[in-house]
């Protein structure tokens, strides 16, 4: 075998190996895409809506008890103590309870979690408040959907136990802030300023 032929065979072998590794990398990228959703958030409001709708779709596939455990974890990250999930049939609409300490005062807060696509109305807020009567200082209603204006009014009605509302949009923000299943990455962007070079 001539030296030229040996070099040709070596180059061909290396090219085949590079092509094989490239195919393998492409296959791994496709597999990884099913595990992790990457969204570029620097494209403005549309990208923000994209990552939130992708996250809400993932949350919508969780089991009810999985979603309750996620709420438990989120409340712990937010500073609640003694957070327990109590969701079971006949729970009267109460999925869990936690204690929130603010300075010298602590509040017992009961929470309810709903994986909904649509709007939560005032009836659901009233039902939840009924379950809270005589048991809690405050209520927290967490949903993947949103709240109607009537539900918001009912939650803050004078003379009744106050209920704080966390809709799907706010839930996404809280999960991102607390890095619960959502990670962010800062990307360096380089801009060249031709006018600067002209002024040198």
Protein backbone atom coordinates (compact mmCIF):
# COMPACT_ATOMS: atom_id res chain seq x y z
CA UNK A 1 0.00 0.00 0.00
CA UNK A 2 1.38 3.40 -0.98
CA UNK A 3 1.77 6.25 1.49
CA UNK A 4 -0.84 8.25 -0.47
CA UNK A 5 -3.34 5.39 -0.20
CA UNK A 6 -2.68 5.06 3.55
CA UNK A 7 -3.28 8.79 4.07
CA UNK A 8 -6.48 8.62 1.98
CA UNK A 9 -7.75 5.64 4.03
CA UNK A 10 -6.91 7.42 7.31
CA UNK A 11 -8.75 10.62 6.24
CA UNK A 12 -11.77 8.58 5.09
CA UNK A 13 -11.83 6.73 8.40
CA UNK A 14 -11.69 10.01 10.36
CA UNK A 15 -14.47 11.55 8.23
CA UNK A 16 -16.70 8.52 8.80
CA UNK A 17 -16.01 8.71 12.54
CA UNK A 18 -16.84 12.45 12.60
CA UNK A 19 -20.08 11.80 10.70
CA UNK A 20 -20.97 8.99 13.13
CA UNK A 21 -20.32 11.24 16.15
CA UNK A 22 -22.37 14.03 14.56
CA UNK A 23 -25.32 11.65 14.02
CA UNK A 24 -24.97 10.41 17.59
CA UNK A 25 -24.92 13.99 18.95
CA UNK A 26 -28.02 14.87 16.89
CA UNK A 27 -29.79 11.78 18.24
CA UNK A 28 -28.87 12.71 21.84
CA UNK A 29 -30.12 16.27 21.26
CA UNK A 30 -33.50 14.91 20.10
CA UNK A 31 -33.68 12.62 23.15
CA UNK A 32 -32.72 15.46 25.50
CA UNK A 33 -35.39 17.69 23.94
CA UNK A 34 -38.05 15.35 25.28
CA UNK A 35 -36.62 15.70 28.80
CA UNK A 36 -36.01 19.41 28.94
CA UNK A 37 -37.72 22.35 27.27
CA UNK A 38 -35.44 25.24 26.38
CA UNK A 39 -36.96 28.59 25.55
CA UNK A 40 -35.05 31.73 24.69
CA UNK A 41 -36.59 34.36 26.95
CA UNK A 42 -34.86 37.35 25.35
CA UNK A 43 -37.25 37.51 22.41
CA UNK A 44 -39.71 39.69 24.29
CA UNK A 45 -43.27 39.15 25.54
CA UNK A 46 -43.98 36.35 23.06
CA UNK A 47 -41.13 34.26 24.46
CA UNK A 48 -42.35 34.87 28.02
CA UNK A 49 -45.79 33.61 27.04
CA UNK A 50 -44.12 30.61 25.35
CA UNK A 51 -42.18 29.46 28.41
CA UNK A 52 -45.15 29.99 30.69
CA UNK A 53 -47.54 28.07 28.44
CA UNK A 54 -44.95 25.27 28.12
CA UNK A 55 -44.59 25.14 31.91
CA UNK A 56 -48.37 25.19 32.43
CA UNK A 57 -48.67 22.28 29.98
CA UNK A 58 -46.15 20.32 32.08
CA UNK A 59 -48.02 21.20 35.29
CA UNK A 60 -51.28 20.12 33.66
CA UNK A 61 -49.88 16.61 33.19
CA UNK A 62 -48.99 16.21 36.88
CA UNK A 63 -51.09 13.97 39.07
CA UNK A 64 -53.29 15.79 41.60
CA UNK A 65 -51.17 14.61 44.54
CA UNK A 66 -47.99 15.51 42.64
CA UNK A 67 -49.32 19.04 42.15
CA UNK A 68 -50.14 19.25 45.87
CA UNK A 69 -46.56 18.19 46.73
CA UNK A 70 -45.27 20.87 44.34
CA UNK A 71 -47.38 23.48 46.20
CA UNK A 72 -45.97 22.17 49.48
CA UNK A 73 -42.41 22.56 48.19
CA UNK A 74 -43.14 26.05 46.85
CA UNK A 75 -44.58 27.19 50.20
CA UNK A 76 -41.54 25.84 52.05
CA UNK A 77 -39.26 27.76 49.68
CA UNK A 78 -41.37 30.89 50.31
CA UNK A 79 -40.73 30.69 54.07
CA UNK A 80 -43.66 28.62 55.37
CA UNK A 81 -42.96 26.10 58.12
CA UNK A 82 -44.73 22.88 59.06
CA UNK A 83 -46.25 22.56 55.59
CA UNK A 84 -48.39 19.42 55.33
CA UNK A 85 -50.35 18.05 52.42
CA UNK A 86 -53.73 16.77 53.58
CA UNK A 87 -55.44 16.32 50.25
CA UNK A 88 -57.66 13.28 50.23
CA UNK A 89 -61.28 12.54 49.45
CA UNK A 90 -63.61 14.30 51.84
CA UNK A 91 -61.03 16.97 52.64
CA UNK A 92 -63.64 19.69 52.19
CA UNK A 93 -61.53 21.44 49.57
CA UNK A 94 -58.46 21.77 51.80
CA UNK A 95 -55.32 20.28 50.28
CA UNK A 96 -52.82 21.32 52.94
CA UNK A 97 -51.78 23.61 55.73
CA UNK A 98 -48.68 25.58 56.63
CA UNK A 99 -47.53 28.15 59.15
CA UNK A 100 -46.29 31.54 57.99
CA UNK A 101 -44.31 33.55 60.53
CA UNK A 102 -44.17 37.31 60.02
CA UNK A 103 -41.93 38.95 62.62
CA UNK A 104 -43.44 37.98 66.00
CA UNK A 105 -46.77 36.77 64.63
CA UNK A 106 -47.52 33.45 62.95
CA UNK A 107 -50.53 32.58 60.80
CA UNK A 108 -51.99 29.20 60.05
CA UNK A 109 -52.66 29.14 56.31
CA UNK A 110 -54.72 26.47 54.60
CA UNK A 111 -54.26 26.01 50.88
CA UNK A 112 -56.13 24.52 47.96
CA UNK A 113 -54.57 23.49 44.63
CA UNK A 114 -56.45 23.22 41.34
CA UNK A 115 -54.97 22.19 38.00
CA UNK A 116 -57.44 24.03 35.80
CA UNK A 117 -57.17 25.36 32.28
CA UNK A 118 -60.08 27.74 32.60
CA UNK A 119 -61.15 30.32 35.14
CA UNK A 120 -61.83 29.78 38.82
CA UNK A 121 -65.04 31.55 39.79
CA UNK A 122 -66.43 33.04 42.98
CA UNK A 123 -68.29 29.79 43.83
CA UNK A 124 -64.99 27.90 44.28
CA UNK A 125 -63.67 30.70 46.50
CA UNK A 126 -66.85 30.64 48.63
CA UNK A 127 -66.68 26.83 48.93
CA UNK A 128 -63.04 27.02 50.01
CA UNK A 129 -63.83 29.75 52.55
CA UNK A 130 -66.63 27.56 53.94
CA UNK A 131 -64.10 24.77 54.52
CA UNK A 132 -61.80 27.26 56.32
CA UNK A 133 -64.41 28.53 58.81
CA UNK A 134 -63.15 28.14 62.36
CA UNK A 135 -59.94 26.42 61.23
CA UNK A 136 -57.59 29.00 59.70
CA UNK A 137 -56.40 32.58 59.87
CA UNK A 138 -55.90 32.79 56.13
CA UNK A 139 -56.41 30.84 52.92
CA UNK A 140 -54.32 30.42 49.78
CA UNK A 141 -55.82 29.25 46.49
CA UNK A 142 -53.32 28.06 43.85
CA UNK A 143 -54.37 27.25 40.28
CA UNK A 144 -52.81 26.72 36.88
CA UNK A 145 -55.76 28.63 35.40
CA UNK A 146 -56.86 32.16 36.24
CA UNK A 147 -59.41 33.86 38.47
CA UNK A 148 -62.49 35.76 37.36
CA UNK A 149 -62.89 39.31 38.66
CA UNK A 150 -65.80 38.04 40.79
CA UNK A 151 -63.47 35.44 42.36
CA UNK A 152 -60.92 38.19 43.14
CA UNK A 153 -63.65 40.31 44.73
CA UNK A 154 -64.90 37.35 46.77
CA UNK A 155 -61.37 36.54 47.98
CA UNK A 156 -60.98 40.01 49.51
CA UNK A 157 -64.57 40.51 50.73
CA UNK A 158 -64.84 42.55 53.95
CA UNK A 159 -65.67 40.65 57.12
CA UNK A 160 -64.59 37.26 55.73
CA UNK A 161 -61.39 35.22 55.99
CA UNK A 162 -58.95 36.65 53.47
CA UNK A 163 -57.89 34.31 50.68
CA UNK A 164 -54.79 35.04 48.64
CA UNK A 165 -54.89 33.96 45.00
CA UNK A 166 -52.06 32.57 42.89
CA UNK A 167 -53.00 32.09 39.23
CA UNK A 168 -51.06 30.19 36.58
CA UNK A 169 -49.07 33.24 35.49
CA UNK A 170 -47.93 34.05 39.04
CA UNK A 171 -47.29 30.35 39.74
CA UNK A 172 -44.88 30.22 36.79
CA UNK A 173 -43.05 33.30 38.09
CA UNK A 174 -42.79 31.81 41.59
CA UNK A 175 -41.45 28.49 40.28
CA UNK A 176 -38.87 30.40 38.22
CA UNK A 177 -37.86 32.66 41.15
CA UNK A 178 -37.42 29.65 43.44
CA UNK A 179 -35.75 27.52 40.73
CA UNK A 180 -38.26 24.71 41.13
CA UNK A 181 -38.16 22.81 37.84
CA UNK A 182 -37.27 26.00 35.95
CA UNK A 183 -33.71 27.16 35.34
CA UNK A 184 -32.42 30.24 33.60
CA UNK A 185 -29.16 30.88 31.85
CA UNK A 186 -27.54 34.21 31.08
CA UNK A 187 -26.24 34.39 27.52
CA UNK A 188 -23.45 36.76 26.58
CA UNK A 189 -24.23 38.84 23.49
CA UNK A 190 -21.48 40.67 21.68
CA UNK A 191 -22.23 43.83 19.72
CA UNK A 192 -19.68 45.45 17.44
CA UNK A 193 -19.89 49.23 17.11
CA UNK A 194 -18.42 50.20 13.70
CA UNK A 195 -18.88 53.93 14.42
CA UNK A 196 -16.49 53.65 17.37
CA UNK A 197 -13.74 52.36 15.07
CA UNK A 198 -14.38 55.19 12.65
CA UNK A 199 -13.83 57.75 15.41
CA UNK A 200 -10.41 56.37 16.43
